[in-house]
Amino acid sequence: MKKLGFLLFLVLMLGIASGTTFAQFENSDYFVTYYSNANTAGAPDATVRIINDGDAGNLWAAFYVFDDSQELTECCACFVSPDGLLSESVNKELTANPLTGPPLKTRGAIKVISSATPDPTAAVAVPGLRGWATHIQRTGATTFAVTEADLADSNLAPGEQTLLQELCLFDGLLSGKPCICTPEDHDF
């Protein structure tokens, strides 16, 4: 057993010395998460946080926000510089200007493309962003708990990317109100 432990340690050290780490294989450019209990009286606000790992230079987090009826309600692209931190409020920024107007839906999905361009209707997917989201869970009639999880790495099929971009273009033409971006390194 000691030989196996030593062998694993040796492989790990050789990988680190050669500059190869296991994290290098995490090169996703598309992420998904959900929001729940958004815009609910007495509930805290959820947050989506995005960092740029610095590998690809300046990037944009192209957000596509859907309600629980699977309809796009908002989209925008927010700037994230290398090693920068972007913090977006679900209530105040990602669901504040829905295409259909009030009443706001309380749950849905958020999709994020790590993009080389600032236009969510023409996002160019490149790896480099990582993200986390808090989720608001109802624990009683008037009580809530906050959990946090990584954004889920997903596969961005060409058809999905085209659909997201076309829906976002349609949203912009109809509403002219994209979601709001907080400047990076600031909380909302």
C-alpha atoms as a PDB file:
ATOM      1  CA  MET A   1       0.000   0.000   0.000  1.00  0.00           C
ATOM      2  CA  LYS A   2       2.905   2.343   0.754  1.00  0.00           C
ATOM      3  CA  LYS A   3       4.298   1.753  -2.746  1.00  0.00           C
ATOM      4  CA  LEU A   4       0.960   2.723  -4.336  1.00  0.00           C
ATOM      5  CA  GLY A   5       0.772   5.900  -2.245  1.00  0.00           C
ATOM      6  CA  PHE A   6       4.354   6.801  -3.134  1.00  0.00           C
ATOM      7  CA  LEU A   7       3.683   6.129  -6.836  1.00  0.00           C
ATOM      8  CA  LEU A   8       0.609   8.398  -6.828  1.00  0.00           C
ATOM      9  CA  PHE A   9       2.599  11.099  -5.022  1.00  0.00           C
ATOM     10  CA  LEU A  10       5.411  10.785  -7.575  1.00  0.00           C
ATOM     11  CA  VAL A  11       2.988  11.075 -10.540  1.00  0.00           C
ATOM     12  CA  LEU A  12       1.402  14.160  -8.990  1.00  0.00           C
ATOM     13  CA  MET A  13       4.771  15.806  -8.346  1.00  0.00           C
ATOM     14  CA  LEU A  14       5.983  15.062 -11.882  1.00  0.00           C
ATOM     15  CA  GLY A  15       2.801  16.589 -13.262  1.00  0.00           C
ATOM     16  CA  ILE A  16       3.249  19.742 -11.193  1.00  0.00           C
ATOM     17  CA  ALA A  17       6.952  20.015 -12.085  1.00  0.00           C
ATOM     18  CA  SER A  18       6.169  19.695 -15.795  1.00  0.00           C
ATOM     19  CA  GLY A  19       3.468  22.351 -15.582  1.00  0.00           C
ATOM     20  CA  THR A  20       0.715  19.831 -16.226  1.00  0.00           C
ATOM     21  CA  THR A  21      -2.139  19.893 -13.750  1.00  0.00           C
ATOM     22  CA  PHE A  22      -5.489  18.203 -13.764  1.00  0.00           C
ATOM     23  CA  ALA A  23      -7.323  21.548 -13.859  1.00  0.00           C
ATOM     24  CA  GLN A  24      -6.015  22.237 -17.365  1.00  0.00           C
ATOM     25  CA  PHE A  25      -8.606  19.850 -18.737  1.00  0.00           C
ATOM     26  CA  GLU A  26     -11.455  22.031 -17.499  1.00  0.00           C
ATOM     27  CA  ASN A  27     -11.878  24.116 -20.623  1.00  0.00           C
ATOM     28  CA  SER A  28     -15.618  24.540 -20.819  1.00  0.00           C
ATOM     29  CA  ASP A  29     -17.065  27.585 -22.514  1.00  0.00           C
ATOM     30  CA  TYR A  30     -20.731  27.022 -21.611  1.00  0.00           C
ATOM     31  CA  PHE A  31     -22.381  26.801 -18.192  1.00  0.00           C
ATOM     32  CA  VAL A  32     -25.871  26.448 -16.756  1.00  0.00           C
ATOM     33  CA  THR A  33     -27.500  26.983 -13.374  1.00  0.00           C
ATOM     34  CA  TYR A  34     -30.926  27.736 -11.982  1.00  0.00           C
ATOM     35  CA  TYR A  35     -32.495  30.444  -9.868  1.00  0.00           C
ATOM     36  CA  SER A  36     -35.286  29.945  -7.361  1.00  0.00           C
ATOM     37  CA  ASN A  37     -37.334  32.205  -5.107  1.00  0.00           C
ATOM     38  CA  ALA A  38     -36.184  35.268  -7.050  1.00  0.00           C
ATOM     39  CA  ASN A  39     -38.112  38.463  -6.409  1.00  0.00           C
ATOM     40  CA  THR A  40     -39.903  36.743  -3.515  1.00  0.00           C
ATOM     41  CA  ALA A  41     -40.918  38.843  -0.505  1.00  0.00           C
ATOM     42  CA  GLY A  42     -38.707  38.066   2.485  1.00  0.00           C
ATOM     43  CA  ALA A  43     -36.215  36.008   0.466  1.00  0.00           C
ATOM     44  CA  PRO A  44     -32.570  37.042   0.103  1.00  0.00           C
ATOM     45  CA  ASP A  45     -31.185  37.817  -3.338  1.00  0.00           C
ATOM     46  CA  ALA A  46     -29.187  35.192  -5.224  1.00  0.00           C
ATOM     47  CA  THR A  47     -25.834  35.965  -6.852  1.00  0.00           C
ATOM     48  CA  VAL A  48     -23.950  34.679  -9.881  1.00  0.00           C
ATOM     49  CA  ARG A  49     -20.182  35.191  -9.650  1.00  0.00           C
ATOM     50  CA  ILE A  50     -17.855  34.772 -12.615  1.00  0.00           C
ATOM     51  CA  ILE A  51     -14.051  34.871 -12.701  1.00  0.00           C
ATOM     52  CA  ASN A  52     -11.724  35.011 -15.702  1.00  0.00           C
ATOM     53  CA  ASP A  53      -8.841  32.540 -15.346  1.00  0.00           C
ATOM     54  CA  GLY A  54      -6.623  34.891 -17.373  1.00  0.00           C
ATOM     55  CA  ASP A  55      -5.718  32.425 -20.109  1.00  0.00           C
ATOM     56  CA  ALA A  56      -7.675  34.046 -22.954  1.00  0.00           C
ATOM     57  CA  GLY A  57      -7.390  37.762 -22.115  1.00  0.00           C
ATOM     58  CA  ASN A  58     -10.523  39.905 -21.870  1.00  0.00           C
ATOM     59  CA  LEU A  59     -13.755  37.911 -21.919  1.00  0.00           C
ATOM     60  CA  TRP A  60     -17.481  38.526 -21.580  1.00  0.00           C
ATOM     61  CA  ALA A  61     -20.016  36.437 -19.705  1.00  0.00           C
ATOM     62  CA  ALA A  62     -22.936  36.210 -22.122  1.00  0.00           C
ATOM     63  CA  PHE A  63     -26.001  35.631 -19.919  1.00  0.00           C
ATOM     64  CA  TYR A  64     -29.259  34.125 -21.201  1.00  0.00           C
ATOM     65  CA  VAL A  65     -31.992  34.086 -18.532  1.00  0.00           C
ATOM     66  CA  PHE A  66     -35.051  31.862 -18.926  1.00  0.00           C
ATOM     67  CA  ASP A  67     -38.189  31.662 -16.803  1.00  0.00           C
ATOM     68  CA  ASP A  68     -39.722  28.368 -15.691  1.00  0.00           C
ATOM     69  CA  SER A  69     -41.840  28.332 -18.877  1.00  0.00           C
ATOM     70  CA  GLN A  70     -38.592  27.978 -20.849  1.00  0.00           C
ATOM     71  CA  GLU A  71     -38.936  31.448 -22.350  1.00  0.00           C
ATOM     72  CA  LEU A  72     -35.963  33.804 -22.653  1.00  0.00           C
ATOM     73  CA  THR A  73     -36.671  36.839 -20.502  1.00  0.00           C
ATOM     74  CA  GLU A  74     -33.325  38.670 -20.623  1.00  0.00           C
ATOM     75  CA  CYS A  75     -29.838  38.520 -22.071  1.00  0.00           C
ATOM     76  CA  CYS A  76     -26.645  40.582 -21.926  1.00  0.00           C
ATOM     77  CA  ALA A  77     -22.864  40.219 -21.990  1.00  0.00           C
ATOM     78  CA  CYS A  78     -20.814  41.449 -19.031  1.00  0.00           C
ATOM     79  CA  PHE A  79     -17.078  42.225 -19.193  1.00  0.00           C
ATOM     80  CA  VAL A  80     -14.602  40.192 -17.118  1.00  0.00           C
ATOM     81  CA  SER A  81     -10.897  41.133 -17.343  1.00  0.00           C
ATOM     82  CA  PRO A  82      -8.138  38.568 -16.737  1.00  0.00           C
ATOM     83  CA  ASP A  83      -8.226  37.582 -13.047  1.00  0.00           C
ATOM     84  CA  GLY A  84     -11.311  39.797 -12.633  1.00  0.00           C
ATOM     85  CA  LEU A  85     -14.425  39.030 -10.587  1.00  0.00           C
ATOM     86  CA  LEU A  86     -17.955  39.742 -11.816  1.00  0.00           C
ATOM     87  CA  SER A  87     -20.857  39.623  -9.326  1.00  0.00           C
ATOM     88  CA  GLU A  88     -24.408  39.774 -10.681  1.00  0.00           C
ATOM     89  CA  SER A  89     -27.585  40.016  -8.614  1.00  0.00           C
ATOM     90  CA  VAL A  90     -30.362  37.716  -9.810  1.00  0.00           C
ATOM     91  CA  ASN A  91     -33.081  40.132  -8.627  1.00  0.00           C
ATOM     92  CA  LYS A  92     -31.548  43.498  -9.507  1.00  0.00           C
ATOM     93  CA  GLU A  93     -29.671  42.648 -12.701  1.00  0.00           C
ATOM     94  CA  LEU A  94     -30.472  39.311 -14.300  1.00  0.00           C
ATOM     95  CA  THR A  95     -34.266  39.365 -13.851  1.00  0.00           C
ATOM     96  CA  ALA A  96     -34.964  43.105 -13.469  1.00  0.00           C
ATOM     97  CA  ASN A  97     -35.970  43.863 -17.093  1.00  0.00           C
ATOM     98  CA  PRO A  98     -37.951  40.860 -18.366  1.00  0.00           C
ATOM     99  CA  LEU A  99     -39.158  40.920 -21.951  1.00  0.00           C
ATOM    100  CA  THR A 100     -42.746  40.297 -20.875  1.00  0.00           C
ATOM    101  CA  GLY A 101     -42.655  42.829 -18.028  1.00  0.00           C
ATOM    102  CA  PRO A 102     -44.009  42.248 -14.529  1.00  0.00           C
ATOM    103  CA  PRO A 103     -45.028  40.055 -12.856  1.00  0.00           C
ATOM    104  CA  LEU A 104     -41.606  38.526 -12.571  1.00  0.00           C
ATOM    105  CA  LYS A 105     -41.194  34.771 -12.486  1.00  0.00           C
ATOM    106  CA  THR A 106     -39.554  33.406  -9.355  1.00  0.00           C
ATOM    107  CA  ARG A 107     -37.610  30.523 -10.865  1.00  0.00           C
ATOM    108  CA  GLY A 108     -35.876  29.541 -14.055  1.00  0.00           C
ATOM    109  CA  ALA A 109     -32.556  28.795 -15.735  1.00  0.00           C
ATOM    110  CA  ILE A 110     -29.455  30.882 -16.407  1.00  0.00           C
ATOM    111  CA  LYS A 111     -27.120  29.947 -19.242  1.00  0.00           C
ATOM    112  CA  VAL A 112     -23.673  31.529 -19.635  1.00  0.00           C
ATOM    113  CA  ILE A 113     -21.331  31.467 -22.624  1.00  0.00           C
ATOM    114  CA  SER A 114     -17.691  32.407 -22.045  1.00  0.00           C
ATOM    115  CA  SER A 115     -17.373  34.780 -25.002  1.00  0.00           C
ATOM    116  CA  ALA A 116     -14.583  36.636 -26.796  1.00  0.00           C
ATOM    117  CA  THR A 117     -17.072  39.331 -27.897  1.00  0.00           C
ATOM    118  CA  PRO A 118     -19.297  41.790 -25.995  1.00  0.00           C
ATOM    119  CA  ASP A 119     -22.405  40.995 -28.067  1.00  0.00           C
ATOM    120  CA  PRO A 120     -24.637  38.194 -26.727  1.00  0.00           C
ATOM    121  CA  THR A 121     -26.336  37.975 -30.136  1.00  0.00           C
ATOM    122  CA  ALA A 122     -22.979  37.043 -31.703  1.00  0.00           C
ATOM    123  CA  ALA A 123     -21.110  35.352 -28.845  1.00  0.00           C
ATOM    124  CA  VAL A 124     -17.860  33.625 -29.803  1.00  0.00           C
ATOM    125  CA  ALA A 125     -17.401  30.791 -27.331  1.00  0.00           C
ATOM    126  CA  VAL A 126     -13.904  30.453 -25.825  1.00  0.00           C
ATOM    127  CA  PRO A 127     -12.830  28.772 -22.587  1.00  0.00           C
ATOM    128  CA  GLY A 128     -11.663  30.955 -19.715  1.00  0.00           C
ATOM    129  CA  LEU A 129     -14.547  31.782 -17.387  1.00  0.00           C
ATOM    130  CA  ARG A 130     -15.520  29.896 -14.235  1.00  0.00           C
ATOM    131  CA  GLY A 131     -18.595  30.573 -12.157  1.00  0.00           C
ATOM    132  CA  TRP A 132     -20.639  29.952  -9.031  1.00  0.00           C
ATOM    133  CA  ALA A 133     -24.213  30.741  -8.103  1.00  0.00           C
ATOM    134  CA  THR A 134     -26.083  31.017  -4.844  1.00  0.00           C
ATOM    135  CA  HIS A 135     -29.507  29.437  -4.695  1.00  0.00           C
ATOM    136  CA  ILE A 136     -32.330  30.475  -2.409  1.00  0.00           C
ATOM    137  CA  GLN A 137     -34.090  27.477  -0.884  1.00  0.00           C
ATOM    138  CA  ARG A 138     -37.397  27.837   0.997  1.00  0.00           C
ATOM    139  CA  THR A 139     -37.134  26.115   4.395  1.00  0.00           C
ATOM    140  CA  GLY A 140     -40.454  27.234   5.872  1.00  0.00           C
ATOM    141  CA  ALA A 141     -43.386  29.530   5.235  1.00  0.00           C
ATOM    142  CA  THR A 142     -41.218  32.621   5.728  1.00  0.00           C
ATOM    143  CA  THR A 143     -37.688  31.252   6.047  1.00  0.00           C
ATOM    144  CA  PHE A 144     -35.024  30.639   3.432  1.00  0.00           C
ATOM    145  CA  ALA A 145     -31.566  29.094   3.234  1.00  0.00           C
ATOM    146  CA  VAL A 146     -28.794  30.046   0.848  1.00  0.00           C
ATOM    147  CA  THR A 147     -26.677  27.402  -0.880  1.00  0.00           C
ATOM    148  CA  GLU A 148     -23.863  27.843  -3.390  1.00  0.00           C
ATOM    149  CA  ALA A 149     -22.708  25.611  -6.240  1.00  0.00           C
ATOM    150  CA  ASP A 150     -20.421  25.702  -9.257  1.00  0.00           C
ATOM    151  CA  LEU A 151     -22.077  26.568 -12.531  1.00  0.00           C
ATOM    152  CA  ALA A 152     -22.538  23.255 -14.331  1.00  0.00           C
ATOM    153  CA  ASP A 153     -20.247  22.686 -17.308  1.00  0.00           C
ATOM    154  CA  SER A 154     -22.380  21.918 -20.335  1.00  0.00           C
ATOM    155  CA  ASN A 155     -21.967  21.039 -23.972  1.00  0.00           C
ATOM    156  CA  LEU A 156     -22.637  23.948 -26.325  1.00  0.00           C
ATOM    157  CA  ALA A 157     -24.042  22.461 -29.510  1.00  0.00           C
ATOM    158  CA  PRO A 158     -24.031  24.763 -32.548  1.00  0.00           C
ATOM    159  CA  GLY A 159     -27.837  24.650 -32.661  1.00  0.00           C
ATOM    160  CA  GLU A 160     -28.088  25.706 -29.007  1.00  0.00           C
ATOM    161  CA  GLN A 161     -25.691  28.611 -29.528  1.00  0.00           C
ATOM    162  CA  THR A 162     -27.619  29.787 -32.603  1.00  0.00           C
ATOM    163  CA  LEU A 163     -30.928  29.547 -30.733  1.00  0.00           C
ATOM    164  CA  LEU A 164     -29.601  31.530 -27.744  1.00  0.00           C
ATOM    165  CA  GLN A 165     -28.247  34.250 -30.027  1.00  0.00           C
ATOM    166  CA  GLU A 166     -31.455  34.492 -32.077  1.00  0.00           C
ATOM    167  CA  LEU A 167     -33.652  34.602 -28.973  1.00  0.00           C
ATOM    168  CA  CYS A 168     -31.430  37.341 -27.560  1.00  0.00           C
ATOM    169  CA  LEU A 169     -31.662  39.335 -30.808  1.00  0.00           C
ATOM    170  CA  PHE A 170     -35.451  38.959 -30.724  1.00  0.00           C
ATOM    171  CA  ASP A 171     -35.506  40.065 -27.065  1.00  0.00           C
ATOM    172  CA  GLY A 172     -33.463  43.155 -27.905  1.00  0.00           C
ATOM    173  CA  LEU A 173     -35.723  44.077 -30.814  1.00  0.00           C
ATOM    174  CA  LEU A 174     -38.877  43.715 -28.745  1.00  0.00           C
ATOM    175  CA  SER A 175     -37.816  45.159 -25.419  1.00  0.00           C
ATOM    176  CA  GLY A 176     -34.594  47.052 -25.978  1.00  0.00           C
ATOM    177  CA  LYS A 177     -33.846  46.327 -22.303  1.00  0.00           C
ATOM    178  CA  PRO A 178     -30.993  43.876 -21.786  1.00  0.00           C
ATOM    179  CA  CYS A 179     -30.100  42.632 -18.346  1.00  0.00           C
ATOM    180  CA  ILE A 180     -27.833  44.973 -16.396  1.00  0.00           C
ATOM    181  CA  CYS A 181     -24.110  44.388 -15.812  1.00  0.00           C
ATOM    182  CA  THR A 182     -22.412  45.452 -12.604  1.00  0.00           C
ATOM    183  CA  PRO A 183     -18.857  46.665 -13.222  1.00  0.00           C
ATOM    184  CA  GLU A 184     -16.459  43.886 -12.284  1.00  0.00           C
ATOM    185  CA  ASP A 185     -14.881  43.961  -8.821  1.00  0.00           C
ATOM    186  CA  HIS A 186     -18.017  45.654  -7.429  1.00  0.00           C
ATOM    187  CA  ASP A 187     -20.931  44.076  -5.686  1.00  0.00           C
ATOM    188  CA  PHE A 188     -24.337  45.264  -6.705  1.00  0.00           C
END
